[in-house]
């Protein structure tokens, strides 16, 4: 049986009914054809009118064919235009919009408020689009893994390091790899008993994409943490955890992406604790005891 666009999307969204039209469009936007991007832009600019437009009216307004509208709806994960239109109406009635663009005329207080709003919106949208079933599967895979390797470059490398620290606190054998050559070496040594996590906001970091492809070739279970469902990273991974961030005139996307990515890591951390509370409590107590001993050594006889 052929794999449909909706089947491909389910790999990333899983059972996530709250993934709205806007979030689905955003996660697929970079992979759309130019004519589909024109339609997506028209839809985003005319959200309030969508519930009253029929298929032909929408096609005419966006200057595309009716067939393009139908294909577009299927590409972003709906059965057809009717299902898309219902979802658009529900979204308009229920989704809170906190985000505002930055403006050159903003004063200091306004800019600061908008930064907070951008972070809040990124978490609201990521919570709506992330698949709980995917999160649980990743947590279970990590729980059974011989070792976990987390790969990232640049700002994504910082999240990779944070992830390795989180999991290490639970006694999970985990290493972060942020150097390109080190990534190739680490991925080459993975096996079917391991988990490899690649982090890239755009999902187009060639180094991370190639590393996850190699890890999967070696048999490891591979995970993509990215903002784009159809990105190269998402396509090569066994499973994806999606963030959802709005592109802005001022490029703070890399900053807000860190918050959303780290939140997903913390969700995995908390899930792992819940899965093995007794075991992880013992590990944490052991680590804390050793840390207290070290701190006393550093402080010396006259230390606090």
C-alpha atoms as a PDB file:
ATOM      1  CA  UNK A   1       0.000   0.000   0.000  1.00  0.00           C
ATOM      2  CA  UNK A   2       1.504   3.409  -0.937  1.00  0.00           C
ATOM      3  CA  UNK A   3       2.438   5.846   1.825  1.00  0.00           C
ATOM      4  CA  UNK A   4       0.345   9.015   1.666  1.00  0.00           C
ATOM      5  CA  UNK A   5       1.259  12.527   2.787  1.00  0.00           C
ATOM      6  CA  UNK A   6      -1.029  12.078   5.746  1.00  0.00           C
ATOM      7  CA  UNK A   7       0.801   8.858   6.725  1.00  0.00           C
ATOM      8  CA  UNK A   8       4.110  10.718   6.540  1.00  0.00           C
ATOM      9  CA  UNK A   9       2.749  13.500   8.721  1.00  0.00           C
ATOM     10  CA  UNK A  10       1.506  11.007  11.330  1.00  0.00           C
ATOM     11  CA  UNK A  11       5.107   9.885  11.844  1.00  0.00           C
ATOM     12  CA  UNK A  12       5.783  13.332  13.271  1.00  0.00           C
ATOM     13  CA  UNK A  13       2.460  14.396  14.777  1.00  0.00           C
ATOM     14  CA  UNK A  14       1.293  10.977  15.977  1.00  0.00           C
ATOM     15  CA  UNK A  15      -2.066  11.308  17.714  1.00  0.00           C
ATOM     16  CA  UNK A  16      -1.983  15.064  18.125  1.00  0.00           C
ATOM     17  CA  UNK A  17      -5.516  16.315  17.419  1.00  0.00           C
ATOM     18  CA  UNK A  18      -4.663  19.812  18.597  1.00  0.00           C
ATOM     19  CA  UNK A  19      -2.167  20.354  15.773  1.00  0.00           C
ATOM     20  CA  UNK A  20      -3.965  23.245  14.076  1.00  0.00           C
ATOM     21  CA  UNK A  21      -4.027  24.333  10.447  1.00  0.00           C
ATOM     22  CA  UNK A  22      -1.544  27.109  11.158  1.00  0.00           C
ATOM     23  CA  UNK A  23       0.904  24.766  12.876  1.00  0.00           C
ATOM     24  CA  UNK A  24       0.643  22.161  10.123  1.00  0.00           C
ATOM     25  CA  UNK A  25       1.239  24.784   7.427  1.00  0.00           C
ATOM     26  CA  UNK A  26       4.221  26.185   9.300  1.00  0.00           C
ATOM     27  CA  UNK A  27       5.867  22.798   9.846  1.00  0.00           C
ATOM     28  CA  UNK A  28       5.574  21.959   6.107  1.00  0.00           C
ATOM     29  CA  UNK A  29       6.134  25.410   4.630  1.00  0.00           C
ATOM     30  CA  UNK A  30       9.811  25.096   3.651  1.00  0.00           C
ATOM     31  CA  UNK A  31       9.120  21.896   1.685  1.00  0.00           C
ATOM     32  CA  UNK A  32       6.125  23.254  -0.262  1.00  0.00           C
ATOM     33  CA  UNK A  33       6.300  24.009  -3.975  1.00  0.00           C
ATOM     34  CA  UNK A  34       6.168  27.740  -4.915  1.00  0.00           C
ATOM     35  CA  UNK A  35       2.502  27.587  -5.931  1.00  0.00           C
ATOM     36  CA  UNK A  36       1.639  25.870  -2.639  1.00  0.00           C
ATOM     37  CA  UNK A  37       3.565  28.528  -0.721  1.00  0.00           C
ATOM     38  CA  UNK A  38       1.466  31.170  -2.495  1.00  0.00           C
ATOM     39  CA  UNK A  39      -1.660  29.391  -1.285  1.00  0.00           C
ATOM     40  CA  UNK A  40      -0.232  29.019   2.238  1.00  0.00           C
ATOM     41  CA  UNK A  41       0.606  32.744   2.356  1.00  0.00           C
ATOM     42  CA  UNK A  42      -2.910  33.619   1.216  1.00  0.00           C
ATOM     43  CA  UNK A  43      -4.444  31.354   3.873  1.00  0.00           C
ATOM     44  CA  UNK A  44      -2.268  32.838   6.628  1.00  0.00           C
ATOM     45  CA  UNK A  45      -3.202  36.353   5.546  1.00  0.00           C
ATOM     46  CA  UNK A  46      -6.945  35.588   5.409  1.00  0.00           C
ATOM     47  CA  UNK A  47      -7.509  33.288   8.391  1.00  0.00           C
ATOM     48  CA  UNK A  48     -10.741  34.959   9.480  1.00  0.00           C
ATOM     49  CA  UNK A  49     -12.321  34.542   6.025  1.00  0.00           C
ATOM     50  CA  UNK A  50     -11.532  30.828   5.655  1.00  0.00           C
ATOM     51  CA  UNK A  51     -14.697  29.447   7.318  1.00  0.00           C
ATOM     52  CA  UNK A  52     -16.955  31.184   4.761  1.00  0.00           C
ATOM     53  CA  UNK A  53     -14.939  30.382   1.627  1.00  0.00           C
ATOM     54  CA  UNK A  54     -15.677  27.363  -0.527  1.00  0.00           C
ATOM     55  CA  UNK A  55     -12.968  25.529  -2.445  1.00  0.00           C
ATOM     56  CA  UNK A  56     -13.357  27.549  -5.653  1.00  0.00           C
ATOM     57  CA  UNK A  57     -13.415  30.880  -3.820  1.00  0.00           C
ATOM     58  CA  UNK A  58     -10.219  30.014  -1.944  1.00  0.00           C
ATOM     59  CA  UNK A  59      -8.533  28.887  -5.172  1.00  0.00           C
ATOM     60  CA  UNK A  60      -9.601  32.064  -6.959  1.00  0.00           C
ATOM     61  CA  UNK A  61      -8.437  34.306  -4.120  1.00  0.00           C
ATOM     62  CA  UNK A  62      -5.006  32.644  -4.002  1.00  0.00           C
ATOM     63  CA  UNK A  63      -4.771  32.511  -7.811  1.00  0.00           C
ATOM     64  CA  UNK A  64      -4.317  28.736  -7.897  1.00  0.00           C
ATOM     65  CA  UNK A  65      -6.396  25.851  -9.212  1.00  0.00           C
ATOM     66  CA  UNK A  66      -8.954  23.921  -7.175  1.00  0.00           C
ATOM     67  CA  UNK A  67      -6.780  20.820  -7.608  1.00  0.00           C
ATOM     68  CA  UNK A  68      -3.864  22.689  -6.016  1.00  0.00           C
ATOM     69  CA  UNK A  69      -6.010  23.484  -2.970  1.00  0.00           C
ATOM     70  CA  UNK A  70      -7.027  19.842  -2.607  1.00  0.00           C
ATOM     71  CA  UNK A  71      -3.441  18.602  -2.958  1.00  0.00           C
ATOM     72  CA  UNK A  72      -2.264  21.239  -0.488  1.00  0.00           C
ATOM     73  CA  UNK A  73      -4.790  20.099   2.145  1.00  0.00           C
ATOM     74  CA  UNK A  74      -3.597  16.512   1.766  1.00  0.00           C
ATOM     75  CA  UNK A  75       0.060  17.529   1.863  1.00  0.00           C
ATOM     76  CA  UNK A  76      -0.329  19.132   5.286  1.00  0.00           C
ATOM     77  CA  UNK A  77      -2.186  16.117   6.653  1.00  0.00           C
ATOM     78  CA  UNK A  78      -5.918  16.557   6.034  1.00  0.00           C
ATOM     79  CA  UNK A  79      -8.139  14.146   4.121  1.00  0.00           C
ATOM     80  CA  UNK A  80      -9.331  16.982   1.903  1.00  0.00           C
ATOM     81  CA  UNK A  81     -10.605  20.557   1.779  1.00  0.00           C
ATOM     82  CA  UNK A  82     -13.718  19.843   3.874  1.00  0.00           C
ATOM     83  CA  UNK A  83     -11.693  18.530   6.809  1.00  0.00           C
ATOM     84  CA  UNK A  84      -9.241  21.421   6.445  1.00  0.00           C
ATOM     85  CA  UNK A  85     -12.060  23.993   6.488  1.00  0.00           C
ATOM     86  CA  UNK A  86     -13.616  22.502   9.646  1.00  0.00           C
ATOM     87  CA  UNK A  87     -10.221  22.547  11.381  1.00  0.00           C
ATOM     88  CA  UNK A  88      -9.660  26.164  10.273  1.00  0.00           C
ATOM     89  CA  UNK A  89     -12.981  27.225  11.799  1.00  0.00           C
ATOM     90  CA  UNK A  90     -12.231  25.411  15.061  1.00  0.00           C
ATOM     91  CA  UNK A  91      -8.793  27.001  15.222  1.00  0.00           C
ATOM     92  CA  UNK A  92     -10.168  30.484  14.698  1.00  0.00           C
ATOM     93  CA  UNK A  93     -12.564  29.978  17.587  1.00  0.00           C
ATOM     94  CA  UNK A  94     -10.137  28.464  20.057  1.00  0.00           C
ATOM     95  CA  UNK A  95      -6.433  29.152  19.473  1.00  0.00           C
ATOM     96  CA  UNK A  96      -4.980  31.977  21.596  1.00  0.00           C
ATOM     97  CA  UNK A  97      -2.663  34.284  19.669  1.00  0.00           C
ATOM     98  CA  UNK A  98      -0.063  35.894  21.900  1.00  0.00           C
ATOM     99  CA  UNK A  99       2.592  36.645  19.319  1.00  0.00           C
ATOM    100  CA  UNK A 100       3.350  40.074  17.927  1.00  0.00           C
ATOM    101  CA  UNK A 101       6.013  41.154  15.426  1.00  0.00           C
ATOM    102  CA  UNK A 102       8.733  43.510  16.520  1.00  0.00           C
ATOM    103  CA  UNK A 103       8.453  47.068  15.232  1.00  0.00           C
ATOM    104  CA  UNK A 104      11.147  49.763  14.901  1.00  0.00           C
ATOM    105  CA  UNK A 105       8.887  52.147  16.849  1.00  0.00           C
ATOM    106  CA  UNK A 106       8.619  49.829  19.880  1.00  0.00           C
ATOM    107  CA  UNK A 107       9.846  51.248  23.186  1.00  0.00           C
ATOM    108  CA  UNK A 108      11.980  49.177  25.574  1.00  0.00           C
ATOM    109  CA  UNK A 109       9.051  47.898  27.610  1.00  0.00           C
ATOM    110  CA  UNK A 110       7.166  46.844  24.470  1.00  0.00           C
ATOM    111  CA  UNK A 111      10.180  44.985  23.064  1.00  0.00           C
ATOM    112  CA  UNK A 112      10.679  43.119  26.327  1.00  0.00           C
ATOM    113  CA  UNK A 113       6.995  42.203  26.474  1.00  0.00           C
ATOM    114  CA  UNK A 114       7.146  40.867  22.929  1.00  0.00           C
ATOM    115  CA  UNK A 115      10.167  38.713  23.757  1.00  0.00           C
ATOM    116  CA  UNK A 116       8.186  37.130  26.598  1.00  0.00           C
ATOM    117  CA  UNK A 117       5.190  36.750  24.291  1.00  0.00           C
ATOM    118  CA  UNK A 118       7.349  35.021  21.666  1.00  0.00           C
ATOM    119  CA  UNK A 119       8.595  32.482  24.226  1.00  0.00           C
ATOM    120  CA  UNK A 120       5.093  31.873  25.548  1.00  0.00           C
ATOM    121  CA  UNK A 121       3.707  31.427  22.039  1.00  0.00           C
ATOM    122  CA  UNK A 122       6.482  29.003  21.081  1.00  0.00           C
ATOM    123  CA  UNK A 123       5.572  26.768  24.029  1.00  0.00           C
ATOM    124  CA  UNK A 124       1.823  27.025  23.350  1.00  0.00           C
ATOM    125  CA  UNK A 125       2.347  26.048  19.716  1.00  0.00           C
ATOM    126  CA  UNK A 126       4.863  23.304  20.474  1.00  0.00           C
ATOM    127  CA  UNK A 127       2.508  21.775  23.019  1.00  0.00           C
ATOM    128  CA  UNK A 128      -0.251  21.800  20.398  1.00  0.00           C
ATOM    129  CA  UNK A 129       1.790  20.103  17.695  1.00  0.00           C
ATOM    130  CA  UNK A 130       3.998  17.690  19.622  1.00  0.00           C
ATOM    131  CA  UNK A 131       2.948  14.047  19.603  1.00  0.00           C
ATOM    132  CA  UNK A 132       2.597  12.595  23.100  1.00  0.00           C
ATOM    133  CA  UNK A 133       2.805   9.066  21.693  1.00  0.00           C
ATOM    134  CA  UNK A 134       6.088   9.974  19.993  1.00  0.00           C
ATOM    135  CA  UNK A 135       7.439  11.441  23.229  1.00  0.00           C
ATOM    136  CA  UNK A 136       6.514   8.267  25.098  1.00  0.00           C
ATOM    137  CA  UNK A 137       8.125   6.048  22.471  1.00  0.00           C
ATOM    138  CA  UNK A 138      11.351   8.054  22.583  1.00  0.00           C
ATOM    139  CA  UNK A 139      11.383   7.870  26.398  1.00  0.00           C
ATOM    140  CA  UNK A 140      10.852   4.100  26.301  1.00  0.00           C
ATOM    141  CA  UNK A 141      13.630   3.696  23.718  1.00  0.00           C
ATOM    142  CA  UNK A 142      16.009   5.739  25.865  1.00  0.00           C
ATOM    143  CA  UNK A 143      15.005   3.688  28.903  1.00  0.00           C
ATOM    144  CA  UNK A 144      16.039   0.460  27.132  1.00  0.00           C
ATOM    145  CA  UNK A 145      19.077   1.837  25.272  1.00  0.00           C
ATOM    146  CA  UNK A 146      22.637   0.656  25.764  1.00  0.00           C
ATOM    147  CA  UNK A 147      23.649   4.255  25.199  1.00  0.00           C
ATOM    148  CA  UNK A 148      22.201   7.514  23.913  1.00  0.00           C
ATOM    149  CA  UNK A 149      24.044   9.904  21.601  1.00  0.00           C
ATOM    150  CA  UNK A 150      22.791  13.456  21.060  1.00  0.00           C
ATOM    151  CA  UNK A 151      24.022  15.409  18.037  1.00  0.00           C
ATOM    152  CA  UNK A 152      23.847  19.146  17.346  1.00  0.00           C
ATOM    153  CA  UNK A 153      25.861  22.003  15.863  1.00  0.00           C
ATOM    154  CA  UNK A 154      26.028  25.607  17.076  1.00  0.00           C
ATOM    155  CA  UNK A 155      23.110  26.606  19.311  1.00  0.00           C
ATOM    156  CA  UNK A 156      21.636  23.126  18.835  1.00  0.00           C
ATOM    157  CA  UNK A 157      24.886  21.771  20.271  1.00  0.00           C
ATOM    158  CA  UNK A 158      24.131  23.621  23.498  1.00  0.00           C
ATOM    159  CA  UNK A 159      20.801  21.792  23.726  1.00  0.00           C
ATOM    160  CA  UNK A 160      22.563  18.503  22.972  1.00  0.00           C
ATOM    161  CA  UNK A 161      24.928  19.141  25.903  1.00  0.00           C
ATOM    162  CA  UNK A 162      21.991  20.039  28.166  1.00  0.00           C
ATOM    163  CA  UNK A 163      20.231  16.821  27.171  1.00  0.00           C
ATOM    164  CA  UNK A 164      23.277  14.716  27.989  1.00  0.00           C
ATOM    165  CA  UNK A 165      23.499  16.351  31.416  1.00  0.00           C
ATOM    166  CA  UNK A 166      19.807  15.711  32.094  1.00  0.00           C
ATOM    167  CA  UNK A 167      19.967  12.035  31.154  1.00  0.00           C
ATOM    168  CA  UNK A 168      23.303  11.495  32.927  1.00  0.00           C
ATOM    169  CA  UNK A 169      21.680  12.658  36.161  1.00  0.00           C
ATOM    170  CA  UNK A 170      19.383   9.639  35.804  1.00  0.00           C
ATOM    171  CA  UNK A 171      22.236   7.238  35.205  1.00  0.00           C
ATOM    172  CA  UNK A 172      21.455   6.962  31.494  1.00  0.00           C
ATOM    173  CA  UNK A 173      24.676   6.453  29.476  1.00  0.00           C
ATOM    174  CA  UNK A 174      24.500   9.547  27.277  1.00  0.00           C
ATOM    175  CA  UNK A 175      26.980  11.713  25.384  1.00  0.00           C
ATOM    176  CA  UNK A 176      26.593  14.926  23.425  1.00  0.00           C
ATOM    177  CA  UNK A 177      28.575  15.290  20.195  1.00  0.00           C
ATOM    178  CA  UNK A 178      28.955  18.781  18.744  1.00  0.00           C
ATOM    179  CA  UNK A 179      32.140  18.421  16.680  1.00  0.00           C
ATOM    180  CA  UNK A 180      31.559  17.250  13.063  1.00  0.00           C
ATOM    181  CA  UNK A 181      34.354  14.658  13.055  1.00  0.00           C
ATOM    182  CA  UNK A 182      33.393  13.408  16.497  1.00  0.00           C
ATOM    183  CA  UNK A 183      29.805  13.019  15.289  1.00  0.00           C
ATOM    184  CA  UNK A 184      30.853  10.743  12.426  1.00  0.00           C
ATOM    185  CA  UNK A 185      32.988   8.597  14.734  1.00  0.00           C
ATOM    186  CA  UNK A 186      30.248   8.315  17.363  1.00  0.00           C
ATOM    187  CA  UNK A 187      27.524   7.484  14.810  1.00  0.00           C
ATOM    188  CA  UNK A 188      29.736   4.826  13.207  1.00  0.00           C
ATOM    189  CA  UNK A 189      29.970   2.964  16.508  1.00  0.00           C
ATOM    190  CA  UNK A 190      26.245   2.850  17.245  1.00  0.00           C
ATOM    191  CA  UNK A 191      24.239  -0.380  17.144  1.00  0.00           C
ATOM    192  CA  UNK A 192      20.648  -1.522  17.202  1.00  0.00           C
ATOM    193  CA  UNK A 193      20.706  -1.210  20.999  1.00  0.00           C
ATOM    194  CA  UNK A 194      21.331   2.543  20.874  1.00  0.00           C
ATOM    195  CA  UNK A 195      19.382   5.776  20.428  1.00  0.00           C
ATOM    196  CA  UNK A 196      20.644   8.730  18.361  1.00  0.00           C
ATOM    197  CA  UNK A 197      18.995  12.148  18.715  1.00  0.00           C
ATOM    198  CA  UNK A 198      19.658  14.905  16.157  1.00  0.00           C
ATOM    199  CA  UNK A 199      18.746  18.505  17.018  1.00  0.00           C
ATOM    200  CA  UNK A 200      18.348  21.202  14.351  1.00  0.00           C
ATOM    201  CA  UNK A 201      15.783  24.019  14.302  1.00  0.00           C
ATOM    202  CA  UNK A 202      15.736  24.196  10.496  1.00  0.00           C
ATOM    203  CA  UNK A 203      16.275  20.464  10.039  1.00  0.00           C
ATOM    204  CA  UNK A 204      18.711  21.285   7.233  1.00  0.00           C
ATOM    205  CA  UNK A 205      22.062  21.151   9.071  1.00  0.00           C
ATOM    206  CA  UNK A 206      23.954  18.871   6.690  1.00  0.00           C
ATOM    207  CA  UNK A 207      26.311  17.594   9.377  1.00  0.00           C
ATOM    208  CA  UNK A 208      23.477  16.579  11.701  1.00  0.00           C
ATOM    209  CA  UNK A 209      21.382  15.128   8.862  1.00  0.00           C
ATOM    210  CA  UNK A 210      24.299  13.004   7.622  1.00  0.00           C
ATOM    211  CA  UNK A 211      25.084  11.876  11.170  1.00  0.00           C
ATOM    212  CA  UNK A 212      21.524  10.738  11.857  1.00  0.00           C
ATOM    213  CA  UNK A 213      21.417   8.993   8.477  1.00  0.00           C
ATOM    214  CA  UNK A 214      24.620   7.126   9.398  1.00  0.00           C
ATOM    215  CA  UNK A 215      23.288   6.272  12.872  1.00  0.00           C
ATOM    216  CA  UNK A 216      20.130   4.811  11.350  1.00  0.00           C
ATOM    217  CA  UNK A 217      22.218   2.851   8.853  1.00  0.00           C
ATOM    218  CA  UNK A 218      24.082   1.348  11.801  1.00  0.00           C
ATOM    219  CA  UNK A 219      20.748   0.200  13.243  1.00  0.00           C
ATOM    220  CA  UNK A 220      20.224   2.810  15.963  1.00  0.00           C
ATOM    221  CA  UNK A 221      16.772   4.210  16.690  1.00  0.00           C
ATOM    222  CA  UNK A 222      16.986   7.789  15.442  1.00  0.00           C
ATOM    223  CA  UNK A 223      15.081  10.858  16.619  1.00  0.00           C
ATOM    224  CA  UNK A 224      14.838  14.329  15.049  1.00  0.00           C
ATOM    225  CA  UNK A 225      14.046  17.403  17.154  1.00  0.00           C
ATOM    226  CA  UNK A 226      13.200  20.072  14.588  1.00  0.00           C
ATOM    227  CA  UNK A 227      10.738  22.772  13.632  1.00  0.00           C
ATOM    228  CA  UNK A 228       9.915  21.355  10.192  1.00  0.00           C
ATOM    229  CA  UNK A 229       8.077  18.087   9.575  1.00  0.00           C
ATOM    230  CA  UNK A 230       9.303  17.700   5.995  1.00  0.00           C
ATOM    231  CA  UNK A 231      12.899  18.774   6.626  1.00  0.00           C
ATOM    232  CA  UNK A 232      15.824  16.540   5.589  1.00  0.00           C
ATOM    233  CA  UNK A 233      16.484  15.704   9.251  1.00  0.00           C
ATOM    234  CA  UNK A 234      12.886  14.641   9.851  1.00  0.00           C
ATOM    235  CA  UNK A 235      12.897  12.523   6.717  1.00  0.00           C
ATOM    236  CA  UNK A 236      15.995  10.519   7.682  1.00  0.00           C
ATOM    237  CA  UNK A 237      14.993   9.960  11.328  1.00  0.00           C
ATOM    238  CA  UNK A 238      12.910   7.043  12.591  1.00  0.00           C
ATOM    239  CA  UNK A 239      10.668   9.467  14.472  1.00  0.00           C
ATOM    240  CA  UNK A 240      10.383  13.219  15.057  1.00  0.00           C
ATOM    241  CA  UNK A 241       9.566  15.539  17.944  1.00  0.00           C
ATOM    242  CA  UNK A 242       8.402  18.840  16.481  1.00  0.00           C
ATOM    243  CA  UNK A 243       8.741  22.306  17.894  1.00  0.00           C
ATOM    244  CA  UNK A 244       6.627  25.092  16.428  1.00  0.00           C
ATOM    245  CA  UNK A 245       8.048  28.594  16.231  1.00  0.00           C
ATOM    246  CA  UNK A 246       6.797  31.604  14.316  1.00  0.00           C
ATOM    247  CA  UNK A 247       9.320  33.263  12.007  1.00  0.00           C
ATOM    248  CA  UNK A 248       9.855  36.878  12.937  1.00  0.00           C
ATOM    249  CA  UNK A 249      11.261  40.008  11.328  1.00  0.00           C
ATOM    250  CA  UNK A 250      13.861  40.100  14.111  1.00  0.00           C
ATOM    251  CA  UNK A 251      15.549  36.708  14.165  1.00  0.00           C
ATOM    252  CA  UNK A 252      15.004  35.461  17.711  1.00  0.00           C
ATOM    253  CA  UNK A 253      13.845  32.103  16.351  1.00  0.00           C
ATOM    254  CA  UNK A 254      17.113  30.500  17.410  1.00  0.00           C
ATOM    255  CA  UNK A 255      16.543  31.769  20.935  1.00  0.00           C
ATOM    256  CA  UNK A 256      12.924  30.650  21.224  1.00  0.00           C
ATOM    257  CA  UNK A 257      13.820  27.340  19.591  1.00  0.00           C
ATOM    258  CA  UNK A 258      16.156  26.607  22.495  1.00  0.00           C
ATOM    259  CA  UNK A 259      13.297  27.018  24.955  1.00  0.00           C
ATOM    260  CA  UNK A 260      10.997  24.686  23.009  1.00  0.00           C
ATOM    261  CA  UNK A 261      13.755  22.121  22.387  1.00  0.00           C
ATOM    262  CA  UNK A 262      14.824  22.116  26.032  1.00  0.00           C
ATOM    263  CA  UNK A 263      11.191  21.748  27.102  1.00  0.00           C
ATOM    264  CA  UNK A 264      10.918  18.574  24.995  1.00  0.00           C
ATOM    265  CA  UNK A 265      14.121  17.257  26.618  1.00  0.00           C
ATOM    266  CA  UNK A 266      12.651  17.980  30.047  1.00  0.00           C
ATOM    267  CA  UNK A 267       9.459  16.140  29.074  1.00  0.00           C
ATOM    268  CA  UNK A 268      11.596  13.091  28.263  1.00  0.00           C
ATOM    269  CA  UNK A 269      13.488  13.536  31.556  1.00  0.00           C
ATOM    270  CA  UNK A 270      10.301  13.652  33.642  1.00  0.00           C
ATOM    271  CA  UNK A 271       8.822  10.692  31.764  1.00  0.00           C
ATOM    272  CA  UNK A 272      11.961   8.635  32.424  1.00  0.00           C
ATOM    273  CA  UNK A 273      11.784   9.493  36.119  1.00  0.00           C
ATOM    274  CA  UNK A 274       8.157   8.384  36.229  1.00  0.00           C
ATOM    275  CA  UNK A 275       9.030   5.113  34.464  1.00  0.00           C
ATOM    276  CA  UNK A 276      11.791   4.225  36.963  1.00  0.00           C
ATOM    277  CA  UNK A 277      11.205   6.373  40.036  1.00  0.00           C
ATOM    278  CA  UNK A 278      12.832   4.009  42.557  1.00  0.00           C
ATOM    279  CA  UNK A 279      15.909   3.341  40.405  1.00  0.00           C
ATOM    280  CA  UNK A 280      16.449   6.961  39.443  1.00  0.00           C
ATOM    281  CA  UNK A 281      15.906   8.185  43.021  1.00  0.00           C
ATOM    282  CA  UNK A 282      18.767   5.924  44.115  1.00  0.00           C
ATOM    283  CA  UNK A 283      20.992   7.221  41.291  1.00  0.00           C
ATOM    284  CA  UNK A 284      20.214  10.865  42.052  1.00  0.00           C
ATOM    285  CA  UNK A 285      20.896  10.359  45.770  1.00  0.00           C
ATOM    286  CA  UNK A 286      24.252   8.743  44.917  1.00  0.00           C
ATOM    287  CA  UNK A 287      25.226  11.621  42.618  1.00  0.00           C
ATOM    288  CA  UNK A 288      24.171  14.249  45.163  1.00  0.00           C
ATOM    289  CA  UNK A 289      26.139  12.502  47.917  1.00  0.00           C
ATOM    290  CA  UNK A 290      29.292  12.462  45.770  1.00  0.00           C
ATOM    291  CA  UNK A 291      28.788  16.097  44.800  1.00  0.00           C
ATOM    292  CA  UNK A 292      28.476  17.126  48.458  1.00  0.00           C
ATOM    293  CA  UNK A 293      31.732  15.313  49.225  1.00  0.00           C
ATOM    294  CA  UNK A 294      33.502  17.101  46.389  1.00  0.00           C
ATOM    295  CA  UNK A 295      32.156  20.474  47.465  1.00  0.00           C
ATOM    296  CA  UNK A 296      33.458  19.884  50.995  1.00  0.00           C
ATOM    297  CA  UNK A 297      36.871  18.989  49.549  1.00  0.00           C
ATOM    298  CA  UNK A 298      36.941  22.176  47.479  1.00  0.00           C
ATOM    299  CA  UNK A 299      35.850  24.290  50.440  1.00  0.00           C
ATOM    300  CA  UNK A 300      38.631  22.884  52.644  1.00  0.00           C
ATOM    301  CA  UNK A 301      38.792  23.002  56.459  1.00  0.00           C
ATOM    302  CA  UNK A 302      37.850  26.648  56.615  1.00  0.00           C
ATOM    303  CA  UNK A 303      35.165  26.447  53.922  1.00  0.00           C
ATOM    304  CA  UNK A 304      31.473  26.938  54.415  1.00  0.00           C
END
